[in-house]
N, C-alpha and C. Protein backbone atom coordinates (compact mmCIF):
# COMPACT_ATOMS: atom_id res chain seq x y z
N UNK A 1 -7.17 4.12 -0.80
CA UNK A 1 -7.03 3.45 -2.09
C UNK A 1 -5.58 3.34 -2.37
N UNK A 2 -5.26 2.11 -3.00
CA UNK A 2 -3.95 1.81 -3.36
C UNK A 2 -3.91 1.38 -4.90
N UNK A 3 -3.03 2.08 -5.61
CA UNK A 3 -2.85 1.86 -7.05
C UNK A 3 -1.42 1.07 -7.14
N UNK A 4 -1.50 0.01 -8.03
CA UNK A 4 -0.29 -0.74 -8.36
C UNK A 4 -0.13 -0.79 -9.82
N UNK A 5 0.94 -0.10 -10.36
CA UNK A 5 1.13 -0.05 -11.72
C UNK A 5 1.89 -1.33 -12.19
N UNK A 6 1.65 -1.77 -13.40
CA UNK A 6 2.15 -3.05 -13.86
C UNK A 6 2.14 -4.14 -12.92
N UNK A 7 0.86 -4.34 -12.41
CA UNK A 7 0.63 -5.34 -11.37
C UNK A 7 0.88 -6.70 -11.72
N UNK A 8 0.73 -6.94 -13.10
CA UNK A 8 0.98 -8.39 -13.65
C UNK A 8 2.12 -8.21 -14.71
N UNK A 9 2.87 -9.32 -14.96
CA UNK A 9 3.91 -9.35 -16.00
C UNK A 9 3.23 -8.82 -17.24
N UNK A 10 4.09 -8.22 -18.13
CA UNK A 10 3.58 -7.66 -19.42
C UNK A 10 3.07 -8.82 -20.24
N UNK A 11 3.66 -9.97 -20.31
CA UNK A 11 3.00 -11.15 -21.08
C UNK A 11 1.66 -11.44 -20.61
N UNK A 12 1.26 -11.38 -19.22
CA UNK A 12 0.01 -11.68 -18.94
C UNK A 12 -0.93 -10.56 -19.11
N UNK A 13 -0.43 -9.24 -19.10
CA UNK A 13 -1.25 -8.17 -19.52
C UNK A 13 -1.65 -8.23 -20.88
N UNK A 14 -0.73 -8.64 -21.82
CA UNK A 14 -1.09 -8.73 -23.34
C UNK A 14 -2.09 -9.93 -23.41
N UNK A 15 -1.80 -11.04 -22.62
CA UNK A 15 -2.66 -12.18 -22.68
C UNK A 15 -4.15 -11.82 -22.48
N UNK A 16 -4.31 -11.07 -21.28
CA UNK A 16 -5.65 -10.73 -20.92
C UNK A 16 -6.29 -9.77 -21.81
N UNK A 17 -5.51 -8.80 -22.49
CA UNK A 17 -6.07 -7.98 -23.42
C UNK A 17 -6.64 -8.77 -24.70
N UNK A 18 -5.68 -9.82 -25.00
CA UNK A 18 -6.17 -10.70 -26.11
C UNK A 18 -7.33 -11.50 -25.91
N UNK A 19 -7.69 -11.76 -24.61
CA UNK A 19 -8.90 -12.62 -24.28
C UNK A 19 -10.25 -11.77 -24.48
N UNK A 20 -10.14 -10.54 -24.61
CA UNK A 20 -11.29 -9.76 -24.75
C UNK A 20 -12.19 -10.26 -25.82
N UNK A 21 -11.56 -10.63 -26.99
CA UNK A 21 -12.39 -11.05 -28.07
C UNK A 21 -13.00 -12.60 -27.93
N UNK A 22 -12.52 -13.21 -26.76
CA UNK A 22 -12.97 -14.58 -26.62
C UNK A 22 -13.95 -14.68 -25.50
N UNK A 23 -14.16 -13.63 -24.73
CA UNK A 23 -15.07 -13.62 -23.60
C UNK A 23 -16.57 -13.73 -24.25
N UNK A 24 -17.44 -14.49 -23.51
CA UNK A 24 -18.87 -14.71 -23.93
C UNK A 24 -19.65 -13.60 -23.32
N UNK A 25 -19.45 -12.42 -23.85
CA UNK A 25 -20.02 -11.18 -23.32
C UNK A 25 -21.55 -11.31 -23.30
N UNK A 26 -22.22 -10.62 -22.29
CA UNK A 26 -23.70 -10.48 -22.25
C UNK A 26 -23.97 -9.07 -22.21
N UNK A 27 -24.82 -8.67 -22.90
CA UNK A 27 -25.34 -7.27 -23.10
C UNK A 27 -26.17 -6.94 -21.89
N UNK A 28 -25.96 -5.67 -21.38
CA UNK A 28 -26.62 -5.32 -20.24
C UNK A 28 -27.09 -3.82 -20.59
N UNK A 29 -28.35 -3.43 -20.15
CA UNK A 29 -28.76 -2.03 -20.42
C UNK A 29 -27.99 -1.01 -19.69
N UNK A 30 -27.57 -1.46 -18.57
CA UNK A 30 -26.87 -0.50 -17.57
C UNK A 30 -25.75 -1.20 -16.89
N UNK A 31 -24.58 -0.64 -17.07
CA UNK A 31 -23.38 -1.36 -16.43
C UNK A 31 -23.22 -1.27 -15.02
N UNK A 32 -23.91 -0.19 -14.42
CA UNK A 32 -23.97 -0.18 -12.93
C UNK A 32 -25.08 -0.95 -12.24
N UNK A 33 -26.22 -1.16 -12.94
CA UNK A 33 -27.40 -1.78 -12.47
C UNK A 33 -27.86 -2.81 -13.38
N UNK A 34 -27.23 -3.97 -13.67
CA UNK A 34 -27.85 -4.86 -14.72
C UNK A 34 -29.20 -5.14 -14.64
N UNK A 35 -29.84 -5.27 -13.44
CA UNK A 35 -31.18 -5.32 -13.15
C UNK A 35 -31.69 -3.95 -13.22
N UNK A 36 -32.23 -3.43 -14.34
CA UNK A 36 -32.56 -2.05 -14.49
C UNK A 36 -33.61 -1.44 -13.32
N UNK A 37 -33.17 -0.36 -12.90
CA UNK A 37 -33.89 0.14 -11.78
C UNK A 37 -35.23 0.85 -12.35
N UNK A 38 -36.22 0.85 -11.62
CA UNK A 38 -37.53 1.63 -12.08
C UNK A 38 -37.25 3.19 -12.08
N UNK A 39 -37.95 3.84 -12.89
CA UNK A 39 -38.00 5.21 -12.93
C UNK A 39 -36.84 5.72 -13.99
N UNK A 40 -36.61 7.04 -13.87
CA UNK A 40 -35.64 7.63 -14.83
C UNK A 40 -34.39 7.68 -14.07
N UNK A 41 -33.37 7.17 -14.72
CA UNK A 41 -31.98 7.45 -14.22
C UNK A 41 -31.08 7.14 -15.55
N UNK A 42 -29.91 7.66 -15.49
CA UNK A 42 -28.95 7.50 -16.59
C UNK A 42 -28.68 6.04 -16.85
N UNK A 43 -28.63 5.55 -17.99
CA UNK A 43 -28.33 4.18 -18.26
C UNK A 43 -27.27 4.18 -19.30
N UNK A 44 -26.10 3.39 -18.88
CA UNK A 44 -25.03 3.29 -19.88
C UNK A 44 -24.93 1.91 -20.24
N UNK A 45 -25.34 1.58 -21.46
CA UNK A 45 -25.24 0.13 -21.86
C UNK A 45 -23.84 -0.32 -21.95
N UNK A 46 -23.73 -1.54 -21.98
CA UNK A 46 -22.31 -2.25 -21.97
C UNK A 46 -22.47 -3.68 -22.04
N UNK A 47 -21.41 -4.40 -21.72
CA UNK A 47 -21.33 -5.74 -21.74
C UNK A 47 -20.61 -6.25 -20.39
N UNK A 48 -20.95 -7.46 -19.97
CA UNK A 48 -20.29 -8.01 -18.87
C UNK A 48 -20.10 -9.63 -19.02
N UNK A 49 -19.35 -10.07 -18.02
CA UNK A 49 -19.22 -11.56 -18.06
C UNK A 49 -18.75 -11.84 -16.64
N UNK A 50 -19.39 -12.72 -15.92
CA UNK A 50 -19.11 -12.98 -14.47
C UNK A 50 -18.92 -14.39 -14.34
N UNK A 51 -17.61 -14.92 -14.36
CA UNK A 51 -17.41 -16.37 -14.21
C UNK A 51 -17.48 -16.85 -12.64
N UNK A 52 -17.51 -15.85 -11.74
CA UNK A 52 -17.64 -16.09 -10.31
C UNK A 52 -18.60 -15.12 -9.75
N UNK A 53 -19.69 -15.71 -9.00
CA UNK A 53 -20.56 -14.70 -8.33
C UNK A 53 -21.02 -15.41 -7.09
N UNK A 54 -21.41 -14.67 -6.07
CA UNK A 54 -21.82 -15.20 -4.76
C UNK A 54 -20.92 -16.26 -4.24
N UNK A 55 -19.57 -16.13 -4.49
CA UNK A 55 -18.66 -17.09 -3.98
C UNK A 55 -18.55 -18.42 -4.70
N UNK A 56 -19.43 -18.51 -5.68
CA UNK A 56 -19.43 -19.76 -6.44
C UNK A 56 -19.04 -19.61 -7.92
N UNK A 57 -18.48 -20.56 -8.46
CA UNK A 57 -17.86 -20.47 -9.83
C UNK A 57 -18.76 -21.07 -10.79
N UNK A 58 -18.72 -20.74 -12.15
CA UNK A 58 -19.37 -21.30 -13.20
C UNK A 58 -18.56 -22.25 -14.07
N UNK A 59 -19.27 -22.95 -14.99
CA UNK A 59 -18.68 -24.17 -15.68
C UNK A 59 -17.27 -23.82 -16.39
N UNK A 60 -17.19 -22.61 -16.86
CA UNK A 60 -15.80 -22.34 -17.52
C UNK A 60 -14.84 -21.64 -16.60
N UNK A 61 -15.00 -21.84 -15.36
CA UNK A 61 -14.12 -21.20 -14.32
C UNK A 61 -12.64 -21.47 -14.66
N UNK A 62 -12.31 -22.58 -15.13
CA UNK A 62 -10.79 -22.93 -15.32
C UNK A 62 -10.19 -22.03 -16.21
N UNK A 63 -10.84 -21.30 -17.13
CA UNK A 63 -10.25 -20.36 -18.05
C UNK A 63 -9.88 -19.14 -17.30
N UNK A 64 -10.40 -18.80 -16.09
CA UNK A 64 -10.13 -17.61 -15.32
C UNK A 64 -9.47 -17.86 -13.97
N UNK A 65 -9.41 -19.09 -13.50
CA UNK A 65 -8.97 -19.36 -12.15
C UNK A 65 -7.40 -18.96 -11.95
N UNK A 66 -6.71 -18.92 -13.08
CA UNK A 66 -5.23 -18.47 -12.94
C UNK A 66 -5.18 -17.00 -12.35
N UNK A 67 -6.13 -16.20 -12.53
CA UNK A 67 -6.06 -14.82 -12.04
C UNK A 67 -5.98 -14.74 -10.45
N UNK A 68 -6.65 -15.76 -9.91
CA UNK A 68 -6.87 -15.54 -8.35
C UNK A 68 -5.56 -15.40 -7.65
N UNK A 69 -4.64 -16.39 -7.82
CA UNK A 69 -3.31 -16.18 -7.00
C UNK A 69 -2.64 -14.97 -7.27
N UNK A 70 -2.53 -14.51 -8.58
CA UNK A 70 -1.89 -13.21 -8.89
C UNK A 70 -2.60 -12.04 -8.30
N UNK A 71 -3.93 -12.04 -8.26
CA UNK A 71 -4.72 -10.93 -7.55
C UNK A 71 -4.51 -10.96 -6.12
N UNK A 72 -4.54 -12.20 -5.51
CA UNK A 72 -4.36 -12.28 -3.94
C UNK A 72 -2.89 -11.80 -3.63
N UNK A 73 -1.95 -12.18 -4.39
CA UNK A 73 -0.60 -11.79 -4.16
C UNK A 73 -0.38 -10.24 -4.15
N UNK A 74 -1.06 -9.68 -5.13
CA UNK A 74 -1.08 -8.07 -5.10
C UNK A 74 -1.79 -7.68 -4.03
N UNK A 75 -2.94 -8.18 -3.66
CA UNK A 75 -3.60 -7.66 -2.44
C UNK A 75 -2.77 -7.70 -1.17
N UNK A 76 -2.03 -8.88 -0.88
CA UNK A 76 -1.06 -8.95 0.16
C UNK A 76 0.00 -7.88 0.18
N UNK A 77 0.63 -7.82 -1.05
CA UNK A 77 1.66 -6.90 -1.16
C UNK A 77 1.23 -5.41 -0.82
N UNK A 78 -0.03 -5.14 -1.40
CA UNK A 78 -0.48 -3.83 -1.28
C UNK A 78 -0.93 -3.36 0.29
N UNK A 79 -1.43 -4.40 0.88
CA UNK A 79 -1.97 -4.10 2.22
C UNK A 79 -1.00 -4.47 3.25
N UNK A 80 0.09 -5.23 3.07
CA UNK A 80 1.06 -5.68 3.94
C UNK A 80 0.50 -6.16 5.26
N UNK A 81 0.83 -5.49 6.39
CA UNK A 81 0.37 -5.96 7.70
C UNK A 81 -1.09 -5.78 7.94
N UNK A 82 -1.68 -4.89 7.17
CA UNK A 82 -3.17 -4.68 7.27
C UNK A 82 -4.10 -5.61 6.49
N UNK A 83 -3.38 -6.56 5.69
CA UNK A 83 -4.15 -7.57 4.92
C UNK A 83 -4.86 -8.47 5.86
N UNK A 84 -6.07 -8.68 5.48
CA UNK A 84 -6.95 -9.69 6.27
C UNK A 84 -7.34 -10.83 5.44
N UNK A 85 -7.92 -11.86 6.04
CA UNK A 85 -8.27 -13.04 5.35
C UNK A 85 -9.58 -12.79 4.52
N UNK A 86 -9.33 -12.27 3.34
CA UNK A 86 -10.58 -12.07 2.59
C UNK A 86 -10.76 -13.19 1.67
N UNK A 87 -12.12 -13.38 1.24
CA UNK A 87 -12.50 -14.44 0.30
C UNK A 87 -13.01 -13.78 -0.98
N UNK A 88 -12.50 -14.29 -2.09
CA UNK A 88 -13.20 -13.82 -3.44
C UNK A 88 -14.67 -14.09 -3.55
N UNK A 89 -15.50 -13.14 -3.85
CA UNK A 89 -16.86 -13.32 -3.78
C UNK A 89 -17.50 -13.10 -5.28
N UNK A 90 -16.88 -12.18 -6.11
CA UNK A 90 -17.32 -12.08 -7.43
C UNK A 90 -16.18 -11.64 -8.37
N UNK A 91 -16.09 -12.26 -9.44
CA UNK A 91 -15.06 -11.80 -10.55
C UNK A 91 -15.83 -11.40 -11.76
N UNK A 92 -15.68 -10.28 -12.14
CA UNK A 92 -16.55 -9.76 -13.34
C UNK A 92 -15.61 -9.06 -14.19
N UNK A 93 -15.85 -9.40 -15.49
CA UNK A 93 -15.28 -8.60 -16.64
C UNK A 93 -16.40 -7.70 -17.10
N UNK A 94 -15.87 -6.34 -17.22
CA UNK A 94 -16.81 -5.27 -17.69
C UNK A 94 -16.35 -4.55 -18.80
N UNK A 95 -17.21 -4.47 -19.89
CA UNK A 95 -16.79 -3.75 -21.10
C UNK A 95 -17.72 -2.45 -21.27
N UNK A 96 -17.23 -1.40 -20.97
CA UNK A 96 -17.99 -0.10 -21.08
C UNK A 96 -17.74 0.41 -22.53
N UNK A 97 -18.84 0.70 -23.33
CA UNK A 97 -18.69 1.27 -24.58
C UNK A 97 -18.58 2.76 -24.63
N UNK A 98 -18.45 3.43 -25.63
CA UNK A 98 -18.28 4.74 -25.64
C UNK A 98 -19.54 5.53 -25.17
N UNK A 99 -19.45 6.58 -24.49
CA UNK A 99 -20.50 7.47 -24.07
C UNK A 99 -20.11 8.77 -23.56
N UNK A 100 -21.03 9.60 -23.34
CA UNK A 100 -20.75 10.97 -22.99
C UNK A 100 -20.75 11.47 -21.54
N UNK A 101 -21.25 10.54 -20.66
CA UNK A 101 -21.42 10.90 -19.30
C UNK A 101 -19.97 11.05 -18.62
N UNK A 102 -19.83 11.86 -17.64
CA UNK A 102 -18.63 11.94 -16.80
C UNK A 102 -18.42 10.68 -16.09
N UNK A 103 -19.44 10.09 -15.51
CA UNK A 103 -19.38 8.74 -14.93
C UNK A 103 -20.76 8.13 -14.79
N UNK A 104 -20.70 6.81 -14.70
CA UNK A 104 -21.98 5.99 -14.69
C UNK A 104 -22.46 6.15 -13.23
N UNK A 105 -23.56 5.35 -12.95
CA UNK A 105 -24.33 5.49 -11.64
C UNK A 105 -23.42 5.00 -10.49
N UNK A 106 -23.48 5.75 -9.43
CA UNK A 106 -22.77 5.51 -8.15
C UNK A 106 -23.44 4.20 -7.61
N UNK A 107 -22.60 3.25 -7.06
CA UNK A 107 -23.15 2.08 -6.45
C UNK A 107 -22.14 1.39 -5.53
N UNK A 108 -22.62 0.41 -4.78
CA UNK A 108 -21.70 -0.43 -4.16
C UNK A 108 -21.95 -1.83 -4.79
N UNK A 109 -21.07 -2.76 -4.56
CA UNK A 109 -21.18 -3.98 -5.19
C UNK A 109 -21.97 -5.22 -4.47
N UNK A 110 -22.22 -4.94 -3.26
CA UNK A 110 -22.85 -6.12 -2.51
C UNK A 110 -24.46 -5.87 -2.44
N UNK A 111 -25.18 -6.94 -2.13
CA UNK A 111 -26.61 -6.72 -1.99
C UNK A 111 -26.95 -6.66 -0.51
N UNK A 112 -28.15 -6.11 -0.18
CA UNK A 112 -28.55 -5.96 1.11
C UNK A 112 -28.67 -7.28 1.92
N UNK A 113 -28.90 -8.43 1.19
CA UNK A 113 -28.94 -9.81 1.78
C UNK A 113 -27.58 -10.16 2.50
N UNK A 114 -26.45 -9.63 2.04
CA UNK A 114 -25.25 -10.03 2.70
C UNK A 114 -24.55 -8.87 3.36
N UNK A 115 -25.02 -7.66 3.25
CA UNK A 115 -24.41 -6.46 3.74
C UNK A 115 -24.06 -6.54 5.35
N UNK A 116 -24.86 -7.20 6.08
CA UNK A 116 -24.68 -7.31 7.49
C UNK A 116 -23.63 -8.22 7.79
N UNK A 117 -23.19 -9.18 6.93
CA UNK A 117 -22.25 -10.17 7.13
C UNK A 117 -20.83 -9.71 6.76
N UNK A 118 -20.76 -8.68 6.01
CA UNK A 118 -19.38 -8.21 5.53
C UNK A 118 -18.71 -7.33 6.53
N UNK A 119 -17.63 -7.85 7.00
CA UNK A 119 -16.76 -7.14 7.88
C UNK A 119 -15.76 -6.20 7.20
N UNK A 120 -15.15 -6.71 6.10
CA UNK A 120 -14.11 -5.98 5.31
C UNK A 120 -14.58 -6.11 3.96
N UNK A 121 -14.55 -5.01 3.13
CA UNK A 121 -15.04 -5.09 1.81
C UNK A 121 -13.97 -4.37 0.95
N UNK A 122 -13.22 -5.15 0.24
CA UNK A 122 -12.22 -4.59 -0.78
C UNK A 122 -12.62 -4.85 -2.15
N UNK A 123 -12.50 -3.89 -2.89
CA UNK A 123 -12.75 -3.98 -4.45
C UNK A 123 -11.38 -3.82 -5.05
N UNK A 124 -11.12 -4.71 -5.89
CA UNK A 124 -9.85 -4.67 -6.76
C UNK A 124 -10.26 -4.70 -8.19
N UNK A 125 -9.64 -3.57 -8.80
CA UNK A 125 -9.93 -3.39 -10.23
C UNK A 125 -8.66 -3.62 -11.04
N UNK A 126 -8.69 -4.21 -12.10
CA UNK A 126 -7.57 -4.51 -12.85
C UNK A 126 -7.95 -3.94 -14.43
N UNK A 127 -7.24 -3.01 -14.89
CA UNK A 127 -7.45 -2.34 -16.11
C UNK A 127 -6.89 -3.27 -17.21
N UNK A 128 -7.63 -3.80 -18.05
CA UNK A 128 -7.21 -4.64 -19.19
C UNK A 128 -6.66 -3.78 -20.26
N UNK A 129 -7.18 -2.64 -20.46
CA UNK A 129 -6.68 -1.66 -21.51
C UNK A 129 -6.73 -0.33 -21.06
N UNK A 130 -5.96 0.57 -21.76
CA UNK A 130 -5.90 1.98 -21.36
C UNK A 130 -6.96 2.74 -22.08
N UNK A 131 -7.57 3.67 -21.33
CA UNK A 131 -8.61 4.57 -21.89
C UNK A 131 -8.78 5.70 -20.92
N UNK A 132 -9.63 6.77 -21.44
CA UNK A 132 -9.90 7.89 -20.58
C UNK A 132 -11.25 7.65 -19.78
N UNK A 133 -11.64 6.31 -19.69
CA UNK A 133 -12.82 6.03 -19.01
C UNK A 133 -12.40 5.76 -17.46
N UNK A 134 -12.35 6.78 -16.75
CA UNK A 134 -11.86 6.75 -15.40
C UNK A 134 -12.79 6.03 -14.50
N UNK A 135 -12.24 5.57 -13.35
CA UNK A 135 -13.12 5.21 -12.20
C UNK A 135 -13.12 6.22 -11.09
N UNK A 136 -14.35 6.37 -10.59
CA UNK A 136 -14.62 7.50 -9.58
C UNK A 136 -14.97 6.82 -8.20
N UNK A 137 -14.37 7.15 -7.16
CA UNK A 137 -14.63 6.77 -5.90
C UNK A 137 -15.09 8.05 -5.10
N UNK A 138 -16.32 7.86 -4.50
CA UNK A 138 -16.85 8.93 -3.82
C UNK A 138 -16.69 8.91 -2.30
N UNK A 139 -16.94 10.03 -1.66
CA UNK A 139 -16.91 10.18 -0.27
C UNK A 139 -18.05 9.53 0.59
N UNK A 140 -19.09 9.23 -0.22
CA UNK A 140 -20.25 8.65 0.41
C UNK A 140 -20.32 7.24 0.64
N UNK A 141 -20.85 6.87 1.79
CA UNK A 141 -21.04 5.37 2.03
C UNK A 141 -22.46 4.92 2.23
N UNK A 142 -23.30 5.93 1.81
CA UNK A 142 -24.79 5.64 1.70
C UNK A 142 -25.36 6.26 0.52
N UNK A 143 -26.58 5.83 0.09
CA UNK A 143 -27.15 6.37 -1.18
C UNK A 143 -27.31 8.03 -0.94
N UNK A 144 -27.02 8.74 -2.02
CA UNK A 144 -27.20 10.19 -1.93
C UNK A 144 -27.73 10.74 -3.26
N UNK A 145 -28.21 11.89 -3.17
CA UNK A 145 -28.58 12.57 -4.46
C UNK A 145 -27.53 13.29 -5.12
N UNK A 146 -26.38 13.51 -4.38
CA UNK A 146 -25.11 14.12 -4.96
C UNK A 146 -23.96 13.40 -4.43
N UNK A 147 -23.02 12.90 -5.24
CA UNK A 147 -21.78 12.42 -4.79
C UNK A 147 -20.58 13.23 -4.96
N UNK A 148 -19.73 13.13 -3.99
CA UNK A 148 -18.53 14.09 -4.07
C UNK A 148 -17.32 13.22 -4.28
N UNK A 149 -16.52 13.50 -5.21
CA UNK A 149 -15.44 12.68 -5.71
C UNK A 149 -14.25 12.70 -4.69
N UNK A 150 -13.84 11.47 -4.21
CA UNK A 150 -12.79 11.42 -3.36
C UNK A 150 -11.46 11.06 -4.14
N UNK A 151 -11.65 10.15 -5.07
CA UNK A 151 -10.46 9.81 -6.03
C UNK A 151 -11.07 9.61 -7.41
N UNK A 152 -10.17 9.91 -8.45
CA UNK A 152 -10.50 9.71 -9.82
C UNK A 152 -9.35 8.97 -10.31
N UNK A 153 -9.56 7.75 -10.71
CA UNK A 153 -8.50 6.77 -11.14
C UNK A 153 -8.37 6.59 -12.54
N UNK A 154 -7.30 6.92 -13.27
CA UNK A 154 -7.16 6.77 -14.69
C UNK A 154 -7.02 5.25 -15.05
N UNK A 155 -7.66 4.96 -16.17
CA UNK A 155 -7.68 3.63 -16.57
C UNK A 155 -6.46 3.34 -17.50
N UNK A 156 -5.46 2.63 -16.92
CA UNK A 156 -4.23 2.43 -17.69
C UNK A 156 -3.92 0.87 -17.58
N UNK A 157 -3.67 0.34 -18.77
CA UNK A 157 -3.42 -1.06 -18.98
C UNK A 157 -2.35 -1.60 -17.91
N UNK A 158 -2.72 -2.69 -17.19
CA UNK A 158 -1.78 -3.25 -16.27
C UNK A 158 -1.88 -2.68 -14.88
N UNK A 159 -2.75 -1.66 -14.62
CA UNK A 159 -2.93 -1.15 -13.33
C UNK A 159 -3.87 -1.97 -12.50
N UNK A 160 -3.65 -2.16 -11.25
CA UNK A 160 -4.56 -2.74 -10.35
C UNK A 160 -4.86 -1.71 -9.23
N UNK A 161 -6.10 -1.55 -8.92
CA UNK A 161 -6.43 -0.66 -7.80
C UNK A 161 -7.25 -1.38 -6.74
N UNK A 162 -6.91 -1.11 -5.55
CA UNK A 162 -7.76 -1.66 -4.42
C UNK A 162 -8.35 -0.43 -3.52
N UNK A 163 -9.52 -0.57 -3.19
CA UNK A 163 -10.17 0.43 -2.33
C UNK A 163 -11.23 -0.20 -1.47
N UNK A 164 -11.64 0.53 -0.53
CA UNK A 164 -12.78 0.14 0.38
C UNK A 164 -13.95 0.18 -0.37
N UNK A 165 -14.74 -0.94 -0.56
CA UNK A 165 -15.90 -1.08 -1.30
C UNK A 165 -17.07 -0.58 -0.62
N UNK A 166 -17.02 -0.18 0.58
CA UNK A 166 -18.17 0.60 1.30
C UNK A 166 -18.33 1.89 0.61
N UNK A 167 -17.40 2.48 0.00
CA UNK A 167 -17.56 3.85 -0.63
C UNK A 167 -18.29 3.73 -2.02
N UNK A 168 -19.20 4.42 -2.25
CA UNK A 168 -19.93 4.48 -3.52
C UNK A 168 -18.85 4.73 -4.61
N UNK A 169 -18.94 4.10 -5.66
CA UNK A 169 -17.96 4.31 -6.73
C UNK A 169 -18.69 4.07 -8.07
N UNK A 170 -18.09 4.47 -9.24
CA UNK A 170 -18.69 4.43 -10.52
C UNK A 170 -17.62 4.27 -11.56
N UNK A 171 -17.92 3.53 -12.68
CA UNK A 171 -17.04 3.54 -13.81
C UNK A 171 -17.44 4.71 -14.65
N UNK A 172 -16.84 4.71 -15.78
CA UNK A 172 -17.26 5.75 -16.77
C UNK A 172 -17.14 5.18 -18.16
N UNK A 173 -17.87 5.72 -19.13
CA UNK A 173 -17.73 5.27 -20.46
C UNK A 173 -16.48 5.37 -21.11
N UNK A 174 -16.24 4.54 -22.12
CA UNK A 174 -15.04 4.77 -22.93
C UNK A 174 -15.17 6.07 -23.67
N UNK A 175 -14.04 6.76 -23.84
CA UNK A 175 -14.08 8.01 -24.56
C UNK A 175 -13.16 8.07 -25.72
N UNK A 176 -11.93 7.69 -25.45
CA UNK A 176 -10.85 7.85 -26.50
C UNK A 176 -10.65 6.42 -27.31
N UNK A 177 -11.47 5.45 -26.97
CA UNK A 177 -11.38 4.17 -27.73
C UNK A 177 -12.82 3.59 -27.79
N UNK A 178 -12.92 2.54 -28.48
CA UNK A 178 -14.35 1.89 -28.62
C UNK A 178 -14.84 1.21 -27.32
N UNK A 179 -13.86 0.77 -26.45
CA UNK A 179 -14.33 0.18 -25.22
C UNK A 179 -13.20 0.33 -24.04
N UNK A 180 -13.79 0.35 -22.84
CA UNK A 180 -12.94 0.22 -21.59
C UNK A 180 -13.19 -1.07 -20.88
N UNK A 181 -12.18 -1.85 -20.76
CA UNK A 181 -12.32 -3.10 -20.35
C UNK A 181 -11.66 -3.30 -18.81
N UNK A 182 -12.43 -3.62 -17.86
CA UNK A 182 -11.96 -3.90 -16.48
C UNK A 182 -12.35 -5.06 -15.83
N UNK A 183 -11.45 -5.74 -15.20
CA UNK A 183 -11.68 -6.98 -14.46
C UNK A 183 -11.84 -6.58 -12.97
N UNK A 184 -13.16 -6.72 -12.48
CA UNK A 184 -13.37 -6.32 -10.88
C UNK A 184 -13.44 -7.61 -10.13
N UNK A 185 -12.80 -7.51 -8.98
CA UNK A 185 -12.84 -8.68 -7.99
C UNK A 185 -13.30 -8.03 -6.70
N UNK A 186 -14.39 -8.68 -6.08
CA UNK A 186 -14.80 -8.35 -4.84
C UNK A 186 -14.23 -9.28 -3.81
N UNK A 187 -13.59 -8.77 -2.79
CA UNK A 187 -12.98 -9.51 -1.76
C UNK A 187 -13.69 -9.20 -0.41
N UNK A 188 -14.28 -10.18 0.20
CA UNK A 188 -14.96 -9.89 1.46
C UNK A 188 -14.28 -10.73 2.74
N UNK A 189 -14.28 -9.96 3.77
CA UNK A 189 -13.98 -10.72 5.14
C UNK A 189 -15.30 -10.81 5.71
N UNK A 190 -15.79 -12.00 6.13
CA UNK A 190 -17.15 -12.08 6.65
C UNK A 190 -17.15 -12.10 8.21
N UNK A 191 -18.27 -11.63 8.83
CA UNK A 191 -18.49 -11.94 10.18
C UNK A 191 -19.18 -13.21 10.39
N UNK A 192 -18.68 -14.09 11.14
CA UNK A 192 -19.39 -15.38 11.28
C UNK A 192 -20.09 -15.55 12.56
């Protein structure tokens, strides 16, 4: 896991924080599993907006495309010689509202349909605002009945975090403010 503080210039940090009120948010019953799972499990409602998914972009992509070179530059700086040719697969804005849980449901961001094609799986998180809704990265790389915390990342405005997306991870609800806002970018190197 790599943390980069003040990953973007302060003017861009403020601009992104100001964009929060302009995002066409979509309500979801569970921020970890927007397609609600059957049975009983913890559900943390929130909002998301996904201008890029499955490697394709949507009609208002031009409002968000400026992020890609900045995120890519930070990836290359963070990984140096270990950087590989990754492709952006999903860009998602997530807004977690206040809640009591330590963390939301543990998950990985890819579907079974493409899991065999992924050679390298990097998750990039950019924290739009500061809050005590931390991100948890667990030791497990397969579904489990109990997850052991490997890293707990504090949500700080302007911070960017990169980690191996094969590890199960979870966001957490906002606690000290009304919302926790994070931009997540999935970067994949594919086996062809």
